[in-house]
Amino acid sequence: MRNRKKLPIGIDSFEKIIRHNFYYVDKTEMITELLHNWGEVNLFTRPRRFGKSLNMNMLQSFLEIGCDKSLFNGLKVSREKELCEEYMGKFPVISLTLKNVEGLNFESARKSLKNTLGMEAWRLSALAESSRLTEEEKNSYKALTVVDDHGDFKMSDATMEKALLILTVLLEKHYGKKAVLLIDEYDVPLDKAFQYGYYDEMVSLIRNMFGNVLKTNSSLFFAVLTGCLRIAKESIFTGLNNFNVFSITSVQFDEFFGFTDDEVAEMLKYFGLSDYHETIREWYDGYQFGKKAVYCPWDVISYCRNLCADPDAIPEDFWSNTSSNSIVSRFIDKANKQTRDEIENLISGETVIKEIKQELTYNELDKSIENLWSILFTTGYLTQRERIDSRKLRLAIPNREIKELFELQIREWFQEKSSEDVKKLDKLCMAFPDGDAETIEDLFNDYLWNTISIRDTAVKGRKENFYHGVLLGLLSHMENWAVWSNIESGEGYCDILLEVPENRVGVVIEMKYAQEDRMEAACTEALKQIEQRQYAARLKSDGMKNIVNYGIACYRKHCKVKIGKENS
């Protein structure tokens, strides 16, 4: 369809989406609700890739003096005639995104923040020659925009901390209207500072900058901030009154971040993809914000793009690939036996009840496993299924995409931990070419006992894949061996093939998942499959002198190993 709208992959400019014929899921009712119910400072916390930046840009496009009002023709907010008359295009707007403010040390992060503030000041260049400003006021504006020989902004630290306050005051005097302040991803500089070890310095800087512009500022009409985490008020919002927080548990604004099922159905119908609705629901739905069930927009749009190009495209992990998943790794690493059991329950589709702290400081994240439960919830790795009381929620993994992310992180964590005991790992690996099924069974059982297993999931093949991945990771320890997974050999695809070059021994491994009372039979079935499908053919053609076959059955944290006949 040549005239069909394009899918807006990674585009967070509202104007670009509307002007260039991209598909837009109409969230403009958020403007109506915000303007009817606004406080002086409004904070929206949502996981990444749920439309925060696009909504902030939409607000700027609606409110800013000189905006193109035609952008909103036919959209829901345009039905509110009186509201549009009162607010559309009536305010000077300061719009910042802090998502790129980072650095390996405080000096580089501070420079990055100065450049972000300076670029926004440049955008407001009407202030430089304003007839309504005194020379002193113009000089205070110019102090924000002076650059050095490298193109970096030279403003002093004191000027930087007052930059937003200065801009609001000057904008009000120039336009005769109080300013609107939009700050997207306000917590990213704090996240990066925590990661790289200069958290206290960055907290002090952000606290001073926000305090100057947000507290008792008569030139500010209102401010909107977005972020992933609700940073403790005493950390950077000290003394701030009239502060509205709309978190993922808030009912207000619950449908404006993320796609509802109806919105996804409409999009799929438009692109001729309605047959994929159930698949998309399984993979990318399952989040609950307030009382609304929502999909991750980034995932839905990304998969729709792939399907438009290839109707056979399979679902992928789009969301977690856009950022670090270190929080999951830290969580698994800190988990005790009880927590690992709870993770197993979550992966198998069950729920856990946890007390959630939605307001934390970054330096509290690692203080307890309970704090990490809270962070997993607020950042989108877990979602709510039920509110138990004012503090406790019933939590679940939202969908298959996140479930597979957990499984991947578990395997990576397990491989890292298991590699710490080299002697034990060597012993396990060498038992395979040596034909020592008893040692393999003993050691693999020991490894399984100390990891987090995948159990009771609906699809048997996925459980087999997990154990396959665990064993494959262990065998990959042997750098001089050739280790293949799911490779074509004989008349099918074998789970694992090994070639040990020192003594030219080949190993064939077929894995099964079976209930505890069928593990012996499953091993026999695996060995029979190896023989019938001639999985050793590739090894023989590569010149392996001896072939050893193994059938391995797994159930929860147990395994059974049987060896087949050796072939010369």
Protein backbone atom coordinates (compact mmCIF):
# COMPACT_ATOMS: atom_id res chain seq x y z
CA MET A 1 0.00 0.00 0.00
CA ARG A 2 1.92 2.98 -1.31
CA ASN A 3 -0.09 5.60 0.65
CA ARG A 4 -0.03 3.71 3.94
CA LYS A 5 1.49 5.59 6.88
CA LYS A 6 5.00 4.72 7.99
CA LEU A 7 5.82 3.17 11.36
CA PRO A 8 7.65 5.65 13.65
CA ILE A 9 10.63 3.59 14.80
CA GLY A 10 12.57 5.59 17.39
CA ILE A 11 10.95 8.93 16.45
CA ASP A 12 10.05 11.03 19.48
CA SER A 13 9.30 14.25 17.58
CA PHE A 14 5.55 14.81 17.52
CA GLU A 15 5.84 17.32 14.67
CA LYS A 16 7.87 14.93 12.52
CA ILE A 17 5.37 12.09 13.06
CA ILE A 18 2.42 14.25 12.01
CA ARG A 19 4.09 16.12 9.14
CA HIS A 20 5.78 13.11 7.54
CA ASN A 21 2.83 10.75 7.53
CA PHE A 22 3.90 8.40 10.32
CA TYR A 23 1.33 6.32 12.13
CA TYR A 24 0.34 8.02 15.40
CA VAL A 25 -1.51 6.51 18.33
CA ASP A 26 -3.46 9.51 19.59
CA LYS A 27 -2.44 10.38 23.16
CA THR A 28 -3.41 14.05 22.99
CA GLU A 29 -6.10 13.60 25.66
CA MET A 30 -3.16 13.68 28.06
CA ILE A 31 -2.93 17.43 27.31
CA THR A 32 -6.56 17.88 28.31
CA GLU A 33 -6.20 15.96 31.56
CA LEU A 34 -2.93 17.68 32.46
CA LEU A 35 -4.29 21.18 31.91
CA HIS A 36 -7.46 20.45 33.84
CA ASN A 37 -5.60 18.85 36.78
CA TRP A 38 -2.11 20.31 36.78
CA GLY A 39 0.04 21.12 39.74
CA GLU A 40 3.01 23.42 39.72
CA VAL A 41 5.42 20.48 39.33
CA ASN A 42 4.29 17.19 37.77
CA LEU A 43 6.47 14.07 37.64
CA PHE A 44 5.62 11.06 35.46
CA THR A 45 7.59 7.87 36.12
CA ARG A 46 7.44 5.07 33.56
CA PRO A 47 9.85 2.41 32.25
CA ARG A 48 11.93 3.28 29.20
CA ARG A 49 10.39 2.97 25.73
CA PHE A 50 6.83 3.71 26.86
CA GLY A 51 6.42 7.04 25.06
CA LYS A 52 7.63 9.54 27.67
CA SER A 53 9.76 11.57 25.26
CA LEU A 54 7.09 11.69 22.55
CA ASN A 55 4.47 12.88 25.02
CA MET A 56 6.80 15.61 26.26
CA ASN A 57 7.43 16.75 22.70
CA MET A 58 3.67 16.69 22.09
CA LEU A 59 3.19 19.03 25.07
CA GLN A 60 5.82 21.41 23.71
CA SER A 61 4.19 21.36 20.25
CA PHE A 62 0.84 22.27 21.80
CA LEU A 63 1.85 24.91 24.33
CA GLU A 64 4.76 26.80 22.76
CA ILE A 65 4.30 30.28 21.35
CA GLY A 66 4.51 30.10 17.57
CA CYS A 67 3.43 26.46 17.38
CA ASP A 68 1.73 25.08 14.28
CA LYS A 69 -1.85 24.55 15.45
CA SER A 70 -2.68 22.48 12.38
CA LEU A 71 -0.60 19.62 13.80
CA PHE A 72 -3.50 18.81 16.10
CA ASN A 73 -6.25 18.87 13.48
CA GLY A 74 -8.44 15.79 13.85
CA LEU A 75 -6.76 14.67 17.07
CA LYS A 76 -8.72 14.20 20.29
CA VAL A 77 -7.53 17.38 22.01
CA SER A 78 -8.89 19.47 19.11
CA ARG A 79 -12.44 18.68 20.31
CA GLU A 80 -11.72 20.77 23.42
CA LYS A 81 -12.34 24.14 21.78
CA GLU A 82 -12.19 26.30 24.91
CA LEU A 83 -9.05 24.59 26.20
CA CYS A 84 -7.30 25.00 22.84
CA GLU A 85 -8.29 28.65 22.73
CA GLU A 86 -6.91 29.26 26.23
CA TYR A 87 -3.69 27.25 26.10
CA MET A 88 -2.59 26.32 22.58
CA GLY A 89 0.44 28.35 21.49
CA LYS A 90 0.27 30.64 24.50
CA PHE A 91 3.45 29.91 26.51
CA PRO A 92 7.23 30.19 26.23
CA VAL A 93 8.57 26.67 26.73
CA ILE A 94 11.91 25.41 27.98
CA SER A 95 12.38 21.83 26.82
CA LEU A 96 15.31 19.69 27.98
CA THR A 97 16.14 16.04 27.68
CA LEU A 98 18.79 14.79 30.08
CA LYS A 99 19.04 11.31 28.57
CA ASN A 100 22.47 12.08 27.08
CA VAL A 101 23.93 13.74 30.18
CA GLU A 102 26.60 11.29 31.27
CA GLY A 103 30.31 10.82 31.63
CA LEU A 104 32.90 8.48 33.10
CA ASN A 105 33.64 11.14 35.74
CA PHE A 106 31.92 14.16 37.22
CA GLU A 107 33.86 16.67 35.14
CA SER A 108 32.75 15.17 31.83
CA ALA A 109 29.15 14.75 33.04
CA ARG A 110 29.04 18.36 34.20
CA LYS A 111 30.35 19.49 30.81
CA SER A 112 27.64 17.41 29.14
CA LEU A 113 24.97 19.08 31.27
CA LYS A 114 26.33 22.55 30.46
CA ASN A 115 26.16 21.75 26.75
CA THR A 116 22.57 20.53 27.08
CA LEU A 117 21.55 23.72 28.88
CA GLY A 118 23.49 25.87 26.43
CA MET A 119 21.87 24.29 23.37
CA GLU A 120 18.40 24.98 24.77
CA ALA A 121 19.41 28.57 25.54
CA TRP A 122 20.55 28.92 21.91
CA ARG A 123 17.13 27.73 20.77
CA LEU A 124 15.59 30.62 22.71
CA SER A 125 17.73 33.17 20.83
CA ALA A 126 14.96 35.78 20.69
CA LEU A 127 16.12 36.79 24.16
CA ALA A 128 19.49 38.00 22.85
CA GLU A 129 18.02 41.06 21.11
CA SER A 130 14.79 41.50 23.08
CA SER A 131 13.69 45.12 23.42
CA ARG A 132 11.94 44.18 26.67
CA LEU A 133 15.13 43.11 28.42
CA THR A 134 17.72 45.39 29.98
CA GLU A 135 21.35 45.13 28.90
CA GLU A 136 22.15 43.42 32.18
CA GLU A 137 19.43 40.84 31.52
CA LYS A 138 20.69 40.28 27.99
CA ASN A 139 24.17 39.76 29.39
CA SER A 140 22.85 37.16 31.81
CA TYR A 141 21.35 35.35 28.79
CA LYS A 142 24.58 35.62 26.81
CA ALA A 143 26.48 34.08 29.73
CA LEU A 144 24.49 30.90 29.03
CA THR A 145 25.48 30.78 25.35
CA VAL A 146 29.21 31.60 25.19
CA VAL A 147 31.32 28.72 23.83
CA ASP A 148 35.03 27.97 23.96
CA ASP A 149 37.36 27.07 21.09
CA HIS A 150 36.15 23.44 21.22
CA GLY A 151 32.49 24.40 20.90
CA ASP A 152 31.67 23.61 24.54
CA PHE A 153 29.61 26.06 26.57
CA LYS A 154 31.69 28.09 29.04
CA MET A 155 29.08 29.01 31.64
CA SER A 156 30.36 28.94 35.22
CA ASP A 157 29.09 26.36 37.68
CA ALA A 158 27.08 29.02 39.52
CA THR A 159 25.50 30.16 36.24
CA MET A 160 24.74 26.56 35.26
CA GLU A 161 22.88 25.91 38.50
CA LYS A 162 20.73 29.01 37.88
CA ALA A 163 20.40 28.57 34.11
CA LEU A 164 16.80 27.32 34.12
CA LEU A 165 15.72 29.97 36.61
CA ILE A 166 17.37 32.69 34.49
CA LEU A 167 15.61 31.45 31.36
CA THR A 168 12.16 31.38 32.99
CA VAL A 169 12.57 34.93 34.30
CA LEU A 170 13.80 36.29 30.96
CA LEU A 171 11.13 34.45 28.97
CA GLU A 172 8.35 35.84 31.15
CA LYS A 173 9.65 39.39 30.73
CA HIS A 174 10.12 39.00 26.96
CA TYR A 175 6.75 37.37 26.20
CA GLY A 176 4.69 38.67 29.10
CA LYS A 177 3.70 35.06 29.89
CA LYS A 178 4.95 32.68 32.53
CA ALA A 179 7.12 29.85 31.23
CA VAL A 180 6.48 26.12 30.99
CA LEU A 181 9.41 23.84 31.86
CA LEU A 182 9.67 20.33 30.38
CA ILE A 183 12.48 18.03 31.58
CA ASP A 184 12.61 14.57 30.03
CA GLU A 185 14.58 11.68 31.61
CA TYR A 186 15.45 13.76 34.65
CA ASP A 187 17.02 10.80 36.48
CA VAL A 188 19.48 9.62 33.79
CA PRO A 189 22.39 11.81 35.06
CA LEU A 190 21.88 10.31 38.53
CA ASP A 191 21.81 6.77 37.16
CA LYS A 192 25.07 7.32 35.26
CA ALA A 193 26.65 9.03 38.26
CA PHE A 194 25.75 6.05 40.44
CA GLN A 195 27.27 3.65 37.91
CA TYR A 196 30.54 5.57 37.60
CA GLY A 197 31.07 6.67 41.19
CA TYR A 198 30.30 10.39 41.39
CA TYR A 199 26.73 10.18 42.68
CA ASP A 200 27.01 12.66 45.57
CA GLU A 201 28.44 15.41 43.35
CA MET A 202 25.71 14.95 40.74
CA VAL A 203 22.94 14.89 43.37
CA SER A 204 24.19 18.20 44.72
CA LEU A 205 24.29 19.76 41.25
CA ILE A 206 20.83 18.52 40.22
CA ARG A 207 19.33 19.47 43.59
CA ASN A 208 20.60 23.04 43.28
CA MET A 209 19.53 23.39 39.64
CA PHE A 210 16.02 22.00 40.26
CA GLY A 211 15.65 23.87 43.54
CA ASN A 212 16.44 27.20 41.89
CA VAL A 213 13.86 26.83 39.12
CA LEU A 214 11.09 24.82 40.82
CA LYS A 215 10.82 26.41 44.28
CA THR A 216 9.03 29.75 44.73
CA ASN A 217 9.65 30.74 41.11
CA SER A 218 6.99 33.29 40.18
CA SER A 219 8.02 33.13 36.49
CA LEU A 220 7.09 29.44 36.19
CA PHE A 221 3.59 28.49 35.03
CA PHE A 222 4.13 24.79 35.58
CA ALA A 223 6.75 22.10 35.06
CA VAL A 224 6.55 18.51 33.81
CA LEU A 225 9.32 15.98 34.42
CA THR A 226 9.62 12.37 33.30
CA GLY A 227 11.92 9.56 34.36
CA CYS A 228 12.14 5.86 35.11
CA LEU A 229 12.57 6.13 38.88
CA ARG A 230 10.89 8.26 41.48
CA ILE A 231 13.96 9.63 43.21
CA ALA A 232 13.40 10.31 46.91
CA LYS A 233 12.05 13.80 47.48
CA GLU A 234 14.64 14.57 50.13
CA SER A 235 17.38 13.71 47.63
CA ILE A 236 16.76 16.30 44.90
CA PHE A 237 13.30 17.82 45.48
CA THR A 238 13.91 19.07 49.03
CA GLY A 239 11.33 21.59 50.20
CA LEU A 240 9.28 21.42 47.02
CA ASN A 241 5.55 21.95 47.58
CA ASN A 242 2.67 21.32 45.18
CA PHE A 243 4.55 18.32 43.76
CA ASN A 244 2.40 15.79 41.88
CA VAL A 245 3.84 12.33 41.22
CA PHE A 246 2.10 10.08 38.69
CA SER A 247 3.82 6.71 39.00
CA ILE A 248 2.99 3.37 37.38
CA THR A 249 0.53 2.67 40.20
CA SER A 250 -1.37 5.95 39.71
CA VAL A 251 -4.78 5.77 38.07
CA GLN A 252 -4.49 9.28 36.67
CA PHE A 253 -2.84 9.32 33.23
CA ASP A 254 -2.64 5.50 33.27
CA GLU A 255 -3.56 5.05 29.59
CA PHE A 256 -1.31 7.74 28.10
CA PHE A 257 1.97 5.80 28.30
CA GLY A 258 1.90 2.50 26.45
CA PHE A 259 -0.67 1.13 23.98
CA THR A 260 -4.00 -0.27 25.09
CA ASP A 261 -5.33 -3.47 23.54
CA ASP A 262 -7.83 -1.49 21.45
CA GLU A 263 -5.05 0.76 20.14
CA VAL A 264 -2.94 -2.26 19.19
CA ALA A 265 -5.91 -3.92 17.47
CA GLU A 266 -6.54 -0.75 15.47
CA MET A 267 -2.90 -0.49 14.44
CA LEU A 268 -2.74 -4.14 13.37
CA LYS A 269 -5.93 -3.76 11.36
CA TYR A 270 -4.51 -0.69 9.59
CA PHE A 271 -1.35 -2.56 8.58
CA GLY A 272 -3.16 -5.78 7.71
CA LEU A 273 -1.60 -7.67 10.61
CA SER A 274 -4.64 -8.63 12.69
CA ASP A 275 -3.74 -12.33 12.51
CA TYR A 276 -0.71 -11.60 14.71
CA HIS A 277 -2.67 -10.05 17.58
CA GLU A 278 -2.39 -13.05 19.91
CA THR A 279 1.34 -13.42 19.28
CA ILE A 280 1.92 -9.73 20.01
CA ARG A 281 -0.21 -9.99 23.15
CA GLU A 282 1.83 -12.96 24.41
CA TRP A 283 5.16 -11.25 23.79
CA TYR A 284 4.62 -7.54 24.46
CA ASP A 285 1.43 -7.05 26.55
CA GLY A 286 1.00 -7.71 30.25
CA TYR A 287 1.98 -4.39 31.87
CA GLN A 288 -0.45 -2.70 34.23
CA PHE A 289 -0.21 1.04 34.82
CA GLY A 290 -2.79 2.20 37.32
CA LYS A 291 -5.84 0.20 36.27
CA LYS A 292 -4.98 -0.02 32.58
CA ALA A 293 -3.42 -3.01 30.84
CA VAL A 294 -0.88 -1.78 28.29
CA TYR A 295 1.64 -3.02 25.73
CA CYS A 296 5.16 -1.70 25.30
CA PRO A 297 4.91 0.68 22.28
CA TRP A 298 8.53 0.19 21.19
CA ASP A 299 8.03 -3.57 20.93
CA VAL A 300 4.72 -3.40 19.08
CA ILE A 301 5.98 -0.89 16.51
CA SER A 302 9.29 -2.75 16.02
CA TYR A 303 7.61 -6.11 15.45
CA CYS A 304 4.98 -4.59 13.13
CA ARG A 305 7.81 -3.12 11.06
CA ASN A 306 9.42 -6.55 10.76
CA LEU A 307 6.11 -8.17 9.84
CA CYS A 308 5.43 -5.59 7.14
CA ALA A 309 8.78 -6.53 5.57
CA ASP A 310 8.50 -10.28 6.25
CA PRO A 311 5.20 -11.96 7.23
CA ASP A 312 7.23 -14.88 8.64
CA ALA A 313 9.24 -12.68 11.02
CA ILE A 314 9.41 -14.14 14.52
CA PRO A 315 9.03 -12.04 17.70
CA GLU A 316 12.24 -10.63 19.13
CA ASP A 317 13.47 -9.07 22.33
CA PHE A 318 13.34 -5.42 21.24
CA TRP A 319 12.89 -3.69 24.60
CA SER A 320 15.81 -5.00 26.62
CA ASN A 321 18.22 -4.65 23.69
CA THR A 322 17.85 -0.87 23.89
CA SER A 323 19.64 -0.53 27.22
CA SER A 324 21.70 -2.27 29.87
CA ASN A 325 20.00 -5.00 31.88
CA SER A 326 22.54 -4.80 34.71
CA ILE A 327 19.76 -4.40 37.29
CA VAL A 328 18.59 -7.96 36.57
CA SER A 329 22.14 -9.29 36.84
CA ARG A 330 22.64 -7.51 40.19
CA PHE A 331 19.33 -8.88 41.42
CA ILE A 332 20.17 -12.48 40.51
CA ASP A 333 23.66 -12.14 41.96
CA LYS A 334 22.32 -10.95 45.32
CA ALA A 335 19.53 -13.54 45.45
CA ASN A 336 19.56 -16.05 48.30
CA LYS A 337 17.91 -19.48 48.13
CA GLN A 338 14.45 -18.07 48.92
CA THR A 339 14.74 -15.35 46.28
CA ARG A 340 15.94 -17.83 43.66
CA ASP A 341 12.89 -19.97 44.39
CA GLU A 342 10.73 -16.87 43.92
CA ILE A 343 12.42 -16.15 40.58
CA GLU A 344 11.66 -19.71 39.50
CA ASN A 345 8.02 -19.15 40.46
CA LEU A 346 7.88 -15.95 38.41
CA ILE A 347 9.43 -17.54 35.33
CA SER A 348 6.93 -20.40 35.55
CA GLY A 349 4.07 -17.87 35.41
CA GLU A 350 3.32 -17.52 39.11
CA THR A 351 3.32 -14.35 41.23
CA VAL A 352 5.05 -13.08 44.35
CA ILE A 353 3.86 -10.57 46.93
CA LYS A 354 6.35 -7.85 47.80
CA GLU A 355 6.43 -4.57 49.66
CA ILE A 356 7.31 -1.94 47.08
CA LYS A 357 9.19 1.27 47.80
CA GLN A 358 8.52 3.60 44.90
CA GLU A 359 10.72 6.35 46.29
CA LEU A 360 14.40 5.48 46.63
CA THR A 361 17.77 7.08 46.14
CA TYR A 362 20.23 5.41 43.79
CA ASN A 363 22.70 4.69 46.57
CA GLU A 364 19.98 2.63 48.31
CA LEU A 365 19.45 0.28 45.37
CA ASP A 366 21.96 -2.37 46.43
CA LYS A 367 21.41 -2.11 50.18
CA SER A 368 18.87 -4.92 50.24
CA ILE A 369 17.27 -7.44 47.93
CA GLU A 370 13.91 -5.88 48.82
CA ASN A 371 15.00 -2.58 47.25
CA LEU A 372 15.94 -4.45 44.07
CA TRP A 373 12.42 -5.95 43.91
CA SER A 374 11.15 -2.36 43.94
CA ILE A 375 13.50 -1.28 41.16
CA LEU A 376 12.58 -4.25 38.97
CA PHE A 377 8.96 -3.19 39.35
CA THR A 378 9.41 0.51 38.64
CA THR A 379 11.70 -0.10 35.65
CA GLY A 380 9.33 -2.55 33.92
CA TYR A 381 10.95 -5.93 34.49
CA LEU A 382 8.03 -6.85 36.74
CA THR A 383 4.47 -5.57 36.76
CA GLN A 384 1.58 -5.49 39.20
CA ARG A 385 -1.27 -7.99 39.12
CA GLU A 386 -3.02 -6.95 42.34
CA ARG A 387 -2.71 -4.38 45.11
CA ILE A 388 -2.65 -6.21 48.44
CA ASP A 389 -2.54 -3.15 50.68
CA SER A 390 -1.07 0.35 50.68
CA ARG A 391 2.49 -0.97 50.37
CA LYS A 392 2.31 -4.52 49.03
CA LEU A 393 1.72 -5.62 45.45
CA ARG A 394 1.34 -8.97 43.76
CA LEU A 395 4.05 -8.99 41.09
CA ALA A 396 4.52 -10.98 37.89
CA ILE A 397 6.76 -11.06 34.84
CA PRO A 398 4.67 -9.17 32.27
CA ASN A 399 5.20 -11.18 29.10
CA ARG A 400 7.28 -13.66 27.17
CA GLU A 401 9.85 -11.08 26.09
CA ILE A 402 10.80 -10.27 29.69
CA LYS A 403 10.58 -13.93 30.72
CA GLU A 404 13.18 -14.84 28.10
CA LEU A 405 15.32 -11.91 29.23
CA PHE A 406 15.35 -13.33 32.77
CA GLU A 407 16.30 -16.75 31.43
CA LEU A 408 19.16 -15.26 29.41
CA GLN A 409 20.44 -13.28 32.37
CA ILE A 410 20.24 -16.39 34.57
CA ARG A 411 22.32 -18.38 32.08
CA GLU A 412 24.92 -15.63 31.81
CA TRP A 413 25.09 -15.27 35.59
CA PHE A 414 25.38 -19.03 35.98
CA GLN A 415 28.16 -19.30 33.40
CA GLU A 416 30.11 -16.55 35.16
CA LYS A 417 29.70 -18.19 38.58
CA SER A 418 30.51 -21.69 37.38
CA SER A 419 33.72 -20.52 35.68
CA GLU A 420 35.10 -19.41 39.05
CA ASP A 421 35.82 -23.07 40.02
CA VAL A 422 38.06 -24.11 37.14
CA LYS A 423 39.00 -27.54 38.56
CA LYS A 424 35.39 -28.57 38.98
CA LEU A 425 34.51 -27.33 35.50
CA ASP A 426 37.50 -29.14 33.96
CA LYS A 427 36.42 -32.35 35.70
CA LEU A 428 32.88 -32.10 34.30
CA CYS A 429 34.01 -31.34 30.75
CA MET A 430 36.66 -34.09 30.63
CA ALA A 431 34.12 -36.66 31.83
CA PHE A 432 32.36 -36.40 28.45
CA PRO A 433 35.17 -37.69 26.19
CA ASP A 434 36.22 -40.10 28.97
CA GLY A 435 32.79 -41.79 28.93
CA ASP A 436 32.27 -41.14 32.65
CA ALA A 437 28.47 -40.80 32.86
CA GLU A 438 28.48 -41.08 36.66
CA THR A 439 30.72 -38.03 37.11
CA ILE A 440 28.70 -36.05 34.55
CA GLU A 441 25.48 -36.84 36.40
CA ASP A 442 26.92 -35.99 39.83
CA LEU A 443 28.48 -32.69 38.78
CA PHE A 444 25.67 -31.53 36.49
CA ASN A 445 23.18 -32.22 39.29
CA ASP A 446 25.36 -30.10 41.57
CA TYR A 447 25.41 -27.23 39.07
CA LEU A 448 21.63 -27.43 38.58
CA TRP A 449 21.07 -27.33 42.33
CA ASN A 450 22.97 -24.04 42.51
CA THR A 451 21.28 -22.27 39.62
CA ILE A 452 17.73 -21.09 38.97
CA SER A 453 15.76 -23.65 37.02
CA ILE A 454 12.98 -23.24 34.51
CA ARG A 455 10.02 -25.34 35.54
CA ASP A 456 6.35 -25.86 34.98
CA THR A 457 6.15 -23.63 31.93
CA ALA A 458 3.57 -24.43 29.30
CA VAL A 459 5.96 -25.31 26.50
CA LYS A 460 8.14 -28.37 27.03
CA GLY A 461 10.61 -27.30 24.34
CA ARG A 462 11.43 -24.08 26.17
CA LYS A 463 12.40 -26.02 29.29
CA GLU A 464 14.64 -28.28 27.25
CA ASN A 465 16.23 -25.17 25.71
CA PHE A 466 17.06 -23.82 29.15
CA TYR A 467 18.94 -26.94 30.29
CA HIS A 468 20.54 -27.17 26.86
CA GLY A 469 21.80 -23.61 27.29
CA VAL A 470 23.16 -24.29 30.78
CA LEU A 471 25.14 -27.35 29.66
CA LEU A 472 26.33 -25.60 26.51
CA GLY A 473 27.69 -22.75 28.61
CA LEU A 474 29.60 -25.17 30.82
CA LEU A 475 31.12 -27.04 27.87
CA SER A 476 32.16 -23.79 26.18
CA HIS A 477 34.76 -23.50 28.94
CA MET A 478 37.01 -25.79 26.88
CA GLU A 479 38.52 -23.30 24.47
CA ASN A 480 40.30 -25.88 22.28
CA TRP A 481 37.21 -28.00 21.73
CA ALA A 482 34.79 -27.53 18.87
CA VAL A 483 31.33 -27.15 20.45
CA TRP A 484 28.20 -26.95 18.26
CA SER A 485 24.61 -26.42 19.22
CA ASN A 486 21.57 -27.48 17.18
CA ILE A 487 23.76 -28.26 14.20
CA GLU A 488 22.66 -30.36 11.25
CA SER A 489 24.20 -33.82 11.30
CA GLY A 490 22.95 -37.09 9.78
CA GLU A 491 19.19 -36.87 9.37
CA GLY A 492 18.40 -34.02 11.74
CA TYR A 493 19.68 -31.42 14.17
CA CYS A 494 21.58 -32.62 17.22
CA ASP A 495 21.41 -30.72 20.52
CA ILE A 496 25.17 -30.63 21.16
CA LEU A 497 28.17 -32.01 19.27
CA LEU A 498 31.73 -31.91 20.63
CA GLU A 499 35.06 -32.56 18.96
CA VAL A 500 38.07 -33.07 21.24
CA PRO A 501 41.13 -32.64 18.98
CA GLU A 502 43.75 -33.97 21.44
CA ASN A 503 42.56 -37.57 21.11
CA ARG A 504 40.04 -37.18 18.27
CA VAL A 505 37.03 -38.10 20.39
CA GLY A 506 33.61 -36.95 19.26
CA VAL A 507 30.68 -36.53 21.67
CA VAL A 508 26.96 -36.51 20.80
CA ILE A 509 24.51 -35.15 23.40
CA GLU A 510 20.72 -35.21 23.14
CA MET A 511 18.70 -33.63 25.96
CA LYS A 512 15.13 -34.22 27.12
CA TYR A 513 12.85 -32.71 29.74
CA ALA A 514 10.81 -35.34 31.54
CA GLN A 515 8.88 -35.85 34.77
CA GLU A 516 10.92 -37.43 37.55
CA ASP A 517 9.46 -40.93 37.07
CA ARG A 518 10.29 -40.87 33.33
CA MET A 519 13.87 -39.63 33.37
CA GLU A 520 15.39 -43.06 32.76
CA ALA A 521 13.05 -43.65 29.84
CA ALA A 522 13.78 -40.18 28.45
CA CYS A 523 17.52 -40.92 28.44
CA THR A 524 16.89 -44.14 26.54
CA GLU A 525 14.68 -42.27 24.08
CA ALA A 526 17.44 -39.69 23.55
CA LEU A 527 20.04 -42.37 22.83
CA LYS A 528 17.68 -44.08 20.42
CA GLN A 529 17.15 -40.78 18.61
CA ILE A 530 20.92 -40.31 18.27
CA GLU A 531 21.26 -43.71 16.60
CA GLN A 532 18.18 -43.51 14.37
CA ARG A 533 18.99 -40.04 13.05
CA GLN A 534 22.72 -40.75 12.75
CA TYR A 535 23.75 -37.60 14.62
CA ALA A 536 27.37 -38.84 14.75
CA ALA A 537 27.72 -38.55 10.96
CA ARG A 538 29.31 -35.11 11.07
CA LEU A 539 31.84 -36.19 13.68
CA LYS A 540 32.83 -39.23 11.65
CA SER A 541 33.25 -37.17 8.51
CA ASP A 542 35.52 -34.82 10.48
CA GLY A 543 37.81 -37.75 11.33
CA MET A 544 36.88 -38.44 14.94
CA LYS A 545 38.23 -41.90 15.86
CA ASN A 546 35.89 -42.59 18.76
CA ILE A 547 32.31 -41.42 19.29
CA VAL A 548 30.54 -41.28 22.67
CA ASN A 549 26.75 -40.79 22.86
CA TYR A 550 24.88 -39.35 25.84
CA GLY A 551 21.19 -39.14 26.60
CA ILE A 552 20.51 -36.55 29.33
CA ALA A 553 17.12 -36.01 30.95
CA CYS A 554 16.35 -33.06 33.25
CA TYR A 555 13.52 -32.29 35.64
CA ARG A 556 13.60 -29.15 37.78
CA LYS A 557 17.02 -29.31 39.53
CA HIS A 558 17.74 -32.97 38.74
CA CYS A 559 19.32 -34.75 35.83
CA LYS A 560 19.86 -38.33 34.68
CA VAL A 561 22.72 -39.27 32.31
CA LYS A 562 23.01 -42.48 30.25
CA ILE A 563 25.88 -43.34 27.96
CA GLY A 564 25.39 -45.10 24.65
CA LYS A 565 27.76 -47.47 22.97
CA GLU A 566 31.10 -46.14 21.82
CA ASN A 567 31.69 -46.22 18.09
CA SER A 568 35.14 -46.73 16.59
